[in-house]
Amino acid sequence: MSFTKAALGLLVFMMVLLRSGVLVAAPVPVRFVEGAVHGFLALRTLDGVLMAPGELIEVVRGREVESRMVFHFKDKSVLDETVVFTQQRVLTMQSYRLVQRGPVFTEDVEISLERASGKYRVKTKAHKDGKEAVLEGTLELPPDVYNGLALTIVKNLPKGASETVHYVAFTPTPRLIQLELVPAGEDKVLVGELKKTAIHYAFKPRLGSWLKLFTTLLGRMPPDSHAWVVTDEVPTFVRFEGPFYTKGPIWRIEVTSPRWPGQPDTEPRAGAGTAQTVARRVRR
């Protein structure tokens, strides 16, 4: 038997093991109910350069919550992510949509995923030659698939607790991946001049040994992402750092606030480090 056939056989075996994990996956209990939200965000490089202003809008429609996060770049690129979920005792993703369009990305991508049917659709368009490709099919989704909901999950974890869930990674072929959400310490942040403590969470993809080998060979090994949540009585997100597409750079999402025309721009410039308008890291 050739190495290629053996390797492919092992990869198929690992995918069967991943599917068998569907039987034991458990959804995350709701500790804090989501409601109507309209927040303002900033997408930056790790050096503090503003890439795009953004908004987070959550609307409750009956038993479902629609959460949409959208960023508009200066070059007319758009990052638009929408997730619909329910929160009756446990968090359950119902549908997921992602649009990445414009020159800031390596290609244009439109992704849709439906829980009820398991149907997915991925449409890509290459910037180099304009070639389009469409992938469609169905997946067996475990109850703890949480595309677009990682920040909501960590807000619902008890202090010091970790959790392992699933998400569908589109590369563009969809792959069901385990994601470990683990506390990684605490940081002091400022809200104005008010000191708060933010819990730092690391999001660690768990690929399995053989699947990890193949993704390494393909150059598509996803790095860890990071989020910071201020808990107090009611938790709130203040920062996220991670890649937004395959082989993409690490970008940062931070909370920001409106300013009036003529008001000095206090947003951080390149090289400003970790300073931010609403929440910024300080020495412990």
C-alpha atoms as a PDB file:
ATOM      1  CA  MET A   1       0.000   0.000   0.000  1.00  0.00           C
ATOM      2  CA  SER A   2       1.379   3.436  -0.943  1.00  0.00           C
ATOM      3  CA  PHE A   3       2.008   6.138   1.659  1.00  0.00           C
ATOM      4  CA  THR A   4      -0.669   8.326   0.016  1.00  0.00           C
ATOM      5  CA  LYS A   5      -3.352   5.638   0.292  1.00  0.00           C
ATOM      6  CA  ALA A   6      -2.376   4.855   3.866  1.00  0.00           C
ATOM      7  CA  ALA A   7      -2.427   8.519   4.822  1.00  0.00           C
ATOM      8  CA  LEU A   8      -5.817   9.055   3.217  1.00  0.00           C
ATOM      9  CA  GLY A   9      -7.130   5.993   5.026  1.00  0.00           C
ATOM     10  CA  LEU A  10      -5.938   7.368   8.362  1.00  0.00           C
ATOM     11  CA  LEU A  11      -7.504  10.743   7.589  1.00  0.00           C
ATOM     12  CA  VAL A  12     -10.862   9.098   6.861  1.00  0.00           C
ATOM     13  CA  PHE A  13     -10.542   7.137  10.113  1.00  0.00           C
ATOM     14  CA  MET A  14      -9.933  10.368  12.058  1.00  0.00           C
ATOM     15  CA  MET A  15     -12.973  11.986  10.473  1.00  0.00           C
ATOM     16  CA  VAL A  16     -15.045   8.985  11.600  1.00  0.00           C
ATOM     17  CA  LEU A  17     -13.741   9.518  15.139  1.00  0.00           C
ATOM     18  CA  LEU A  18     -14.718  13.185  14.939  1.00  0.00           C
ATOM     19  CA  ARG A  19     -18.221  12.201  13.876  1.00  0.00           C
ATOM     20  CA  SER A  20     -18.462   9.730  16.737  1.00  0.00           C
ATOM     21  CA  GLY A  21     -17.819  12.673  19.099  1.00  0.00           C
ATOM     22  CA  VAL A  22     -21.187  14.097  18.056  1.00  0.00           C
ATOM     23  CA  LEU A  23     -22.872  11.608  20.385  1.00  0.00           C
ATOM     24  CA  VAL A  24     -21.256  12.996  23.529  1.00  0.00           C
ATOM     25  CA  ALA A  25     -21.214  16.729  22.721  1.00  0.00           C
ATOM     26  CA  ALA A  26     -23.214  18.866  25.152  1.00  0.00           C
ATOM     27  CA  PRO A  27     -24.504  22.444  24.721  1.00  0.00           C
ATOM     28  CA  VAL A  28     -23.467  25.227  27.099  1.00  0.00           C
ATOM     29  CA  PRO A  29     -26.013  26.252  29.789  1.00  0.00           C
ATOM     30  CA  VAL A  30     -27.310  29.821  29.773  1.00  0.00           C
ATOM     31  CA  ARG A  31     -26.279  31.864  32.810  1.00  0.00           C
ATOM     32  CA  PHE A  32     -26.893  35.335  31.321  1.00  0.00           C
ATOM     33  CA  VAL A  33     -29.694  35.940  28.816  1.00  0.00           C
ATOM     34  CA  GLU A  34     -28.810  38.074  25.792  1.00  0.00           C
ATOM     35  CA  GLY A  35     -31.090  41.013  24.897  1.00  0.00           C
ATOM     36  CA  ALA A  36     -31.251  44.004  22.582  1.00  0.00           C
ATOM     37  CA  VAL A  37     -27.747  45.428  22.016  1.00  0.00           C
ATOM     38  CA  HIS A  38     -26.222  48.129  19.813  1.00  0.00           C
ATOM     39  CA  GLY A  39     -22.492  48.462  20.401  1.00  0.00           C
ATOM     40  CA  PHE A  40     -19.637  50.182  18.577  1.00  0.00           C
ATOM     41  CA  LEU A  41     -16.398  48.392  17.749  1.00  0.00           C
ATOM     42  CA  ALA A  42     -12.989  49.060  16.218  1.00  0.00           C
ATOM     43  CA  LEU A  43     -10.976  46.531  14.216  1.00  0.00           C
ATOM     44  CA  ARG A  44      -7.225  47.132  14.517  1.00  0.00           C
ATOM     45  CA  THR A  45      -3.862  45.594  13.856  1.00  0.00           C
ATOM     46  CA  LEU A  46      -1.864  44.521  16.896  1.00  0.00           C
ATOM     47  CA  ASP A  47       0.093  47.777  16.499  1.00  0.00           C
ATOM     48  CA  GLY A  48      -3.081  49.793  17.023  1.00  0.00           C
ATOM     49  CA  VAL A  49      -3.656  50.836  13.383  1.00  0.00           C
ATOM     50  CA  LEU A  50      -7.380  51.247  12.714  1.00  0.00           C
ATOM     51  CA  MET A  51      -8.511  48.871   9.953  1.00  0.00           C
ATOM     52  CA  ALA A  52     -12.260  49.379  10.141  1.00  0.00           C
ATOM     53  CA  PRO A  53     -14.979  50.802  12.388  1.00  0.00           C
ATOM     54  CA  GLY A  54     -17.765  48.379  13.200  1.00  0.00           C
ATOM     55  CA  GLU A  55     -21.035  47.739  14.952  1.00  0.00           C
ATOM     56  CA  LEU A  56     -22.556  44.901  16.928  1.00  0.00           C
ATOM     57  CA  ILE A  57     -26.353  44.690  16.796  1.00  0.00           C
ATOM     58  CA  GLU A  58     -28.420  42.079  18.624  1.00  0.00           C
ATOM     59  CA  VAL A  59     -32.186  41.832  18.187  1.00  0.00           C
ATOM     60  CA  VAL A  60     -34.550  39.443  19.973  1.00  0.00           C
ATOM     61  CA  ARG A  61     -37.222  37.983  17.691  1.00  0.00           C
ATOM     62  CA  GLY A  62     -39.499  35.663  19.621  1.00  0.00           C
ATOM     63  CA  ARG A  63     -37.445  32.740  20.889  1.00  0.00           C
ATOM     64  CA  GLU A  64     -34.462  33.630  18.712  1.00  0.00           C
ATOM     65  CA  VAL A  65     -31.685  36.203  18.965  1.00  0.00           C
ATOM     66  CA  GLU A  66     -30.036  37.594  15.836  1.00  0.00           C
ATOM     67  CA  SER A  67     -26.507  38.901  16.433  1.00  0.00           C
ATOM     68  CA  ARG A  68     -24.786  40.780  13.602  1.00  0.00           C
ATOM     69  CA  MET A  69     -21.242  42.151  13.620  1.00  0.00           C
ATOM     70  CA  VAL A  70     -20.170  44.213  10.604  1.00  0.00           C
ATOM     71  CA  PHE A  71     -16.987  46.144   9.744  1.00  0.00           C
ATOM     72  CA  HIS A  72     -16.516  48.582   6.840  1.00  0.00           C
ATOM     73  CA  PHE A  73     -12.932  49.120   5.656  1.00  0.00           C
ATOM     74  CA  LYS A  74     -11.557  52.257   3.998  1.00  0.00           C
ATOM     75  CA  ASP A  75     -10.971  50.360   0.746  1.00  0.00           C
ATOM     76  CA  LYS A  76     -14.689  49.356   0.671  1.00  0.00           C
ATOM     77  CA  SER A  77     -13.970  45.841   1.956  1.00  0.00           C
ATOM     78  CA  VAL A  78     -16.670  44.400   4.229  1.00  0.00           C
ATOM     79  CA  LEU A  79     -16.655  41.808   7.008  1.00  0.00           C
ATOM     80  CA  ASP A  80     -20.252  40.881   7.895  1.00  0.00           C
ATOM     81  CA  GLU A  81     -21.045  38.034  10.322  1.00  0.00           C
ATOM     82  CA  THR A  82     -24.554  37.084  11.469  1.00  0.00           C
ATOM     83  CA  VAL A  83     -25.526  34.291  13.843  1.00  0.00           C
ATOM     84  CA  VAL A  84     -29.040  33.365  14.964  1.00  0.00           C
ATOM     85  CA  PHE A  85     -29.297  31.418  18.214  1.00  0.00           C
ATOM     86  CA  THR A  86     -31.713  30.365  20.927  1.00  0.00           C
ATOM     87  CA  GLN A  87     -31.122  30.558  24.669  1.00  0.00           C
ATOM     88  CA  GLN A  88     -33.766  28.365  26.286  1.00  0.00           C
ATOM     89  CA  ARG A  89     -31.727  26.857  29.157  1.00  0.00           C
ATOM     90  CA  VAL A  90     -28.841  26.165  26.767  1.00  0.00           C
ATOM     91  CA  LEU A  91     -27.216  28.111  23.940  1.00  0.00           C
ATOM     92  CA  THR A  92     -27.988  26.682  20.502  1.00  0.00           C
ATOM     93  CA  MET A  93     -26.789  28.064  17.189  1.00  0.00           C
ATOM     94  CA  GLN A  94     -29.581  27.983  14.608  1.00  0.00           C
ATOM     95  CA  SER A  95     -27.927  29.575  11.583  1.00  0.00           C
ATOM     96  CA  TYR A  96     -24.685  31.267  10.599  1.00  0.00           C
ATOM     97  CA  ARG A  97     -23.771  33.671   7.791  1.00  0.00           C
ATOM     98  CA  LEU A  98     -20.387  35.163   6.921  1.00  0.00           C
ATOM     99  CA  VAL A  99     -19.486  37.599   4.139  1.00  0.00           C
ATOM    100  CA  GLN A 100     -15.886  38.692   3.534  1.00  0.00           C
ATOM    101  CA  ARG A 101     -15.573  40.867   0.464  1.00  0.00           C
ATOM    102  CA  GLY A 102     -12.945  43.254  -0.857  1.00  0.00           C
ATOM    103  CA  PRO A 103      -9.199  43.649  -1.415  1.00  0.00           C
ATOM    104  CA  VAL A 104      -8.260  43.361   2.272  1.00  0.00           C
ATOM    105  CA  PHE A 105      -9.066  39.639   2.033  1.00  0.00           C
ATOM    106  CA  THR A 106      -7.301  37.051  -0.125  1.00  0.00           C
ATOM    107  CA  GLU A 107     -10.611  36.184  -1.815  1.00  0.00           C
ATOM    108  CA  ASP A 108     -14.305  37.014  -1.540  1.00  0.00           C
ATOM    109  CA  VAL A 109     -16.215  34.499   0.580  1.00  0.00           C
ATOM    110  CA  GLU A 110     -19.894  33.938   1.337  1.00  0.00           C
ATOM    111  CA  ILE A 111     -20.732  31.182   3.849  1.00  0.00           C
ATOM    112  CA  SER A 112     -24.061  29.936   5.149  1.00  0.00           C
ATOM    113  CA  LEU A 113     -24.813  27.130   7.624  1.00  0.00           C
ATOM    114  CA  GLU A 114     -28.210  25.913   8.876  1.00  0.00           C
ATOM    115  CA  ARG A 115     -28.640  23.767  11.977  1.00  0.00           C
ATOM    116  CA  ALA A 116     -32.066  22.293  11.210  1.00  0.00           C
ATOM    117  CA  SER A 117     -31.058  20.794   7.875  1.00  0.00           C
ATOM    118  CA  GLY A 118     -27.271  20.696   8.321  1.00  0.00           C
ATOM    119  CA  LYS A 119     -26.983  22.391   4.926  1.00  0.00           C
ATOM    120  CA  TYR A 120     -23.982  24.559   4.138  1.00  0.00           C
ATOM    121  CA  ARG A 121     -23.023  26.681   1.158  1.00  0.00           C
ATOM    122  CA  VAL A 122     -19.619  28.226   0.472  1.00  0.00           C
ATOM    123  CA  LYS A 123     -19.080  30.583  -2.452  1.00  0.00           C
ATOM    124  CA  THR A 124     -15.604  31.916  -3.169  1.00  0.00           C
ATOM    125  CA  LYS A 125     -14.308  34.319  -5.796  1.00  0.00           C
ATOM    126  CA  ALA A 126     -10.600  34.700  -6.450  1.00  0.00           C
ATOM    127  CA  HIS A 127      -9.300  38.254  -6.738  1.00  0.00           C
ATOM    128  CA  LYS A 128      -6.529  37.266  -9.144  1.00  0.00           C
ATOM    129  CA  ASP A 129      -8.593  35.801 -11.988  1.00  0.00           C
ATOM    130  CA  GLY A 130     -12.205  36.254 -10.854  1.00  0.00           C
ATOM    131  CA  LYS A 131     -12.772  32.493 -10.777  1.00  0.00           C
ATOM    132  CA  GLU A 132     -15.784  31.460  -8.712  1.00  0.00           C
ATOM    133  CA  ALA A 133     -16.358  28.183  -6.894  1.00  0.00           C
ATOM    134  CA  VAL A 134     -19.354  26.890  -4.945  1.00  0.00           C
ATOM    135  CA  LEU A 135     -19.403  24.099  -2.374  1.00  0.00           C
ATOM    136  CA  GLU A 136     -22.725  22.758  -1.104  1.00  0.00           C
ATOM    137  CA  GLY A 137     -23.644  19.828   1.100  1.00  0.00           C
ATOM    138  CA  THR A 138     -24.859  18.725   4.500  1.00  0.00           C
ATOM    139  CA  LEU A 139     -23.116  18.128   7.813  1.00  0.00           C
ATOM    140  CA  GLU A 140     -24.106  16.234  10.923  1.00  0.00           C
ATOM    141  CA  LEU A 141     -23.945  19.009  13.510  1.00  0.00           C
ATOM    142  CA  PRO A 142     -23.540  18.274  17.226  1.00  0.00           C
ATOM    143  CA  PRO A 143     -25.588  20.370  19.678  1.00  0.00           C
ATOM    144  CA  ASP A 144     -22.520  22.376  20.725  1.00  0.00           C
ATOM    145  CA  VAL A 145     -21.572  23.845  17.332  1.00  0.00           C
ATOM    146  CA  TYR A 146     -21.028  27.543  18.067  1.00  0.00           C
ATOM    147  CA  ASN A 147     -19.851  29.405  14.971  1.00  0.00           C
ATOM    148  CA  GLY A 148     -20.052  33.120  15.737  1.00  0.00           C
ATOM    149  CA  LEU A 149     -20.805  32.528  19.428  1.00  0.00           C
ATOM    150  CA  ALA A 150     -17.429  31.989  21.111  1.00  0.00           C
ATOM    151  CA  LEU A 151     -17.607  35.328  22.945  1.00  0.00           C
ATOM    152  CA  THR A 152     -21.151  34.577  24.117  1.00  0.00           C
ATOM    153  CA  ILE A 153     -19.969  31.197  25.405  1.00  0.00           C
ATOM    154  CA  VAL A 154     -17.159  32.596  27.574  1.00  0.00           C
ATOM    155  CA  LYS A 155     -19.540  35.198  29.029  1.00  0.00           C
ATOM    156  CA  ASN A 156     -21.655  32.283  30.279  1.00  0.00           C
ATOM    157  CA  LEU A 157     -18.840  30.258  31.846  1.00  0.00           C
ATOM    158  CA  PRO A 158     -18.452  30.251  35.654  1.00  0.00           C
ATOM    159  CA  LYS A 159     -15.289  31.972  36.826  1.00  0.00           C
ATOM    160  CA  GLY A 160     -12.267  29.726  36.355  1.00  0.00           C
ATOM    161  CA  ALA A 161     -14.174  27.211  34.219  1.00  0.00           C
ATOM    162  CA  SER A 162     -13.116  25.973  30.811  1.00  0.00           C
ATOM    163  CA  GLU A 163     -15.231  24.410  28.070  1.00  0.00           C
ATOM    164  CA  THR A 164     -14.726  22.414  24.874  1.00  0.00           C
ATOM    165  CA  VAL A 165     -17.176  22.989  22.049  1.00  0.00           C
ATOM    166  CA  HIS A 166     -17.257  22.514  18.263  1.00  0.00           C
ATOM    167  CA  TYR A 167     -17.167  24.876  15.322  1.00  0.00           C
ATOM    168  CA  VAL A 168     -17.178  24.353  11.570  1.00  0.00           C
ATOM    169  CA  ALA A 169     -13.978  25.625   9.956  1.00  0.00           C
ATOM    170  CA  PHE A 170     -14.437  26.511   6.270  1.00  0.00           C
ATOM    171  CA  THR A 171     -11.098  26.130   4.467  1.00  0.00           C
ATOM    172  CA  PRO A 172     -13.195  26.408   2.199  1.00  0.00           C
ATOM    173  CA  THR A 173     -14.161  22.739   2.643  1.00  0.00           C
ATOM    174  CA  PRO A 174     -16.076  22.516   5.955  1.00  0.00           C
ATOM    175  CA  ARG A 175     -14.364  20.654   8.799  1.00  0.00           C
ATOM    176  CA  LEU A 176     -15.852  19.990  12.230  1.00  0.00           C
ATOM    177  CA  ILE A 177     -13.231  21.109  14.780  1.00  0.00           C
ATOM    178  CA  GLN A 178     -13.101  21.044  18.563  1.00  0.00           C
ATOM    179  CA  LEU A 179     -12.415  24.390  20.225  1.00  0.00           C
ATOM    180  CA  GLU A 180     -11.140  24.535  23.797  1.00  0.00           C
ATOM    181  CA  LEU A 181     -11.994  27.731  25.704  1.00  0.00           C
ATOM    182  CA  VAL A 182      -9.664  28.077  28.691  1.00  0.00           C
ATOM    183  CA  PRO A 183      -8.967  30.864  31.206  1.00  0.00           C
ATOM    184  CA  ALA A 184      -5.466  32.280  30.745  1.00  0.00           C
ATOM    185  CA  GLY A 185      -5.156  34.752  33.601  1.00  0.00           C
ATOM    186  CA  GLU A 186      -6.487  38.192  34.472  1.00  0.00           C
ATOM    187  CA  ASP A 187      -5.625  41.732  33.352  1.00  0.00           C
ATOM    188  CA  LYS A 188      -6.435  45.144  34.792  1.00  0.00           C
ATOM    189  CA  VAL A 189      -8.293  47.449  32.388  1.00  0.00           C
ATOM    190  CA  LEU A 190      -9.600  51.001  32.611  1.00  0.00           C
ATOM    191  CA  VAL A 191     -13.112  52.158  31.768  1.00  0.00           C
ATOM    192  CA  GLY A 192     -12.444  55.870  31.741  1.00  0.00           C
ATOM    193  CA  GLU A 193     -10.487  56.069  34.998  1.00  0.00           C
ATOM    194  CA  LEU A 194     -12.470  53.237  36.626  1.00  0.00           C
ATOM    195  CA  LYS A 195     -10.328  50.137  37.158  1.00  0.00           C
ATOM    196  CA  LYS A 196     -11.822  46.760  36.245  1.00  0.00           C
ATOM    197  CA  THR A 197     -10.530  43.198  36.023  1.00  0.00           C
ATOM    198  CA  ALA A 198     -10.807  41.340  32.715  1.00  0.00           C
ATOM    199  CA  ILE A 199     -10.571  37.568  32.475  1.00  0.00           C
ATOM    200  CA  HIS A 200      -8.348  36.465  29.606  1.00  0.00           C
ATOM    201  CA  TYR A 201      -9.554  33.406  27.657  1.00  0.00           C
ATOM    202  CA  ALA A 202      -7.551  31.460  25.075  1.00  0.00           C
ATOM    203  CA  PHE A 203      -9.424  29.755  22.226  1.00  0.00           C
ATOM    204  CA  LYS A 204      -7.441  26.655  21.272  1.00  0.00           C
ATOM    205  CA  PRO A 205      -8.417  24.578  18.208  1.00  0.00           C
ATOM    206  CA  ARG A 206      -8.078  20.836  18.887  1.00  0.00           C
ATOM    207  CA  LEU A 207      -7.498  19.052  15.595  1.00  0.00           C
ATOM    208  CA  GLY A 208      -6.422  15.582  16.644  1.00  0.00           C
ATOM    209  CA  SER A 209      -2.939  14.254  15.899  1.00  0.00           C
ATOM    210  CA  TRP A 210      -3.420  13.041  12.328  1.00  0.00           C
ATOM    211  CA  LEU A 211      -5.713  15.850  11.224  1.00  0.00           C
ATOM    212  CA  LYS A 212      -3.201  18.253  12.764  1.00  0.00           C
ATOM    213  CA  LEU A 213      -0.459  16.670  10.661  1.00  0.00           C
ATOM    214  CA  PHE A 214      -2.405  17.157   7.453  1.00  0.00           C
ATOM    215  CA  THR A 215      -3.309  20.769   8.215  1.00  0.00           C
ATOM    216  CA  THR A 216       0.335  21.485   9.015  1.00  0.00           C
ATOM    217  CA  LEU A 217       1.365  20.031   5.650  1.00  0.00           C
ATOM    218  CA  LEU A 218      -1.281  22.181   3.962  1.00  0.00           C
ATOM    219  CA  GLY A 219      -0.066  25.289   5.775  1.00  0.00           C
ATOM    220  CA  ARG A 220      -3.464  25.843   7.366  1.00  0.00           C
ATOM    221  CA  MET A 221      -2.817  25.177  11.043  1.00  0.00           C
ATOM    222  CA  PRO A 222      -5.099  27.656  12.856  1.00  0.00           C
ATOM    223  CA  PRO A 223      -3.441  29.644  15.675  1.00  0.00           C
ATOM    224  CA  ASP A 224      -4.989  30.327  19.071  1.00  0.00           C
ATOM    225  CA  SER A 225      -7.307  33.307  19.491  1.00  0.00           C
ATOM    226  CA  HIS A 226      -7.798  35.357  22.649  1.00  0.00           C
ATOM    227  CA  ALA A 227     -10.651  37.229  24.319  1.00  0.00           C
ATOM    228  CA  TRP A 228     -10.997  39.434  27.396  1.00  0.00           C
ATOM    229  CA  VAL A 229     -14.235  39.638  29.382  1.00  0.00           C
ATOM    230  CA  VAL A 230     -15.017  41.939  32.318  1.00  0.00           C
ATOM    231  CA  THR A 231     -17.282  39.909  34.594  1.00  0.00           C
ATOM    232  CA  ASP A 232     -18.505  41.846  37.669  1.00  0.00           C
ATOM    233  CA  GLU A 233     -22.246  41.135  38.106  1.00  0.00           C
ATOM    234  CA  VAL A 234     -22.931  40.996  34.359  1.00  0.00           C
ATOM    235  CA  PRO A 235     -20.134  39.976  31.950  1.00  0.00           C
ATOM    236  CA  THR A 236     -19.157  42.103  28.953  1.00  0.00           C
ATOM    237  CA  PHE A 237     -16.618  41.620  26.180  1.00  0.00           C
ATOM    238  CA  VAL A 238     -13.814  44.217  25.852  1.00  0.00           C
ATOM    239  CA  ARG A 239     -11.261  42.715  23.446  1.00  0.00           C
ATOM    240  CA  PHE A 240     -10.676  39.901  20.951  1.00  0.00           C
ATOM    241  CA  GLU A 241      -7.489  38.962  19.071  1.00  0.00           C
ATOM    242  CA  GLY A 242      -7.233  36.340  16.348  1.00  0.00           C
ATOM    243  CA  PRO A 243      -7.191  35.577  12.612  1.00  0.00           C
ATOM    244  CA  PHE A 244     -10.329  36.222  10.581  1.00  0.00           C
ATOM    245  CA  TYR A 245      -9.554  33.985   7.614  1.00  0.00           C
ATOM    246  CA  THR A 246      -7.199  31.155   6.649  1.00  0.00           C
ATOM    247  CA  LYS A 247      -3.570  32.321   6.743  1.00  0.00           C
ATOM    248  CA  GLY A 248      -4.824  35.794   7.659  1.00  0.00           C
ATOM    249  CA  PRO A 249      -3.049  38.202  10.031  1.00  0.00           C
ATOM    250  CA  ILE A 250      -3.948  38.563  13.695  1.00  0.00           C
ATOM    251  CA  TRP A 251      -6.382  41.456  14.139  1.00  0.00           C
ATOM    252  CA  ARG A 252      -7.886  42.948  17.261  1.00  0.00           C
ATOM    253  CA  ILE A 253     -11.502  43.904  18.011  1.00  0.00           C
ATOM    254  CA  GLU A 254     -12.043  46.448  20.780  1.00  0.00           C
ATOM    255  CA  VAL A 255     -14.998  48.289  22.215  1.00  0.00           C
ATOM    256  CA  THR A 256     -15.125  51.955  21.234  1.00  0.00           C
ATOM    257  CA  SER A 257     -17.490  54.903  21.707  1.00  0.00           C
ATOM    258  CA  PRO A 258     -18.915  57.704  19.550  1.00  0.00           C
ATOM    259  CA  ARG A 259     -17.309  61.149  19.560  1.00  0.00           C
ATOM    260  CA  TRP A 260     -18.740  64.484  18.550  1.00  0.00           C
ATOM    261  CA  PRO A 261     -17.472  66.445  15.488  1.00  0.00           C
ATOM    262  CA  GLY A 262     -14.595  68.652  16.562  1.00  0.00           C
ATOM    263  CA  GLN A 263     -13.807  66.486  19.562  1.00  0.00           C
ATOM    264  CA  PRO A 264     -10.130  65.423  19.704  1.00  0.00           C
ATOM    265  CA  ASP A 265      -9.508  61.966  18.306  1.00  0.00           C
ATOM    266  CA  THR A 266      -8.237  59.881  21.216  1.00  0.00           C
ATOM    267  CA  GLU A 267      -8.097  56.622  19.286  1.00  0.00           C
ATOM    268  CA  PRO A 268      -4.669  54.912  19.419  1.00  0.00           C
ATOM    269  CA  ARG A 269      -2.256  55.371  16.537  1.00  0.00           C
ATOM    270  CA  ALA A 270       0.293  52.958  15.142  1.00  0.00           C
ATOM    271  CA  GLY A 271       2.725  51.945  17.831  1.00  0.00           C
ATOM    272  CA  ALA A 272       0.344  53.024  20.606  1.00  0.00           C
ATOM    273  CA  GLY A 273       0.458  49.511  22.027  1.00  0.00           C
ATOM    274  CA  THR A 274      -2.555  48.335  23.965  1.00  0.00           C
ATOM    275  CA  ALA A 275      -4.206  51.692  24.678  1.00  0.00           C
ATOM    276  CA  GLN A 276      -7.882  51.951  23.713  1.00  0.00           C
ATOM    277  CA  THR A 277     -10.761  54.355  24.242  1.00  0.00           C
ATOM    278  CA  VAL A 278     -13.081  52.432  26.542  1.00  0.00           C
ATOM    279  CA  ALA A 279     -10.883  49.718  27.984  1.00  0.00           C
ATOM    280  CA  ARG A 280      -7.093  49.655  28.072  1.00  0.00           C
ATOM    281  CA  ARG A 281      -4.602  47.459  29.851  1.00  0.00           C
ATOM    282  CA  VAL A 282      -2.733  48.939  32.803  1.00  0.00           C
ATOM    283  CA  ARG A 283       0.030  47.672  35.034  1.00  0.00           C
ATOM    284  CA  ARG A 284      -1.080  45.249  37.692  1.00  0.00           C
END
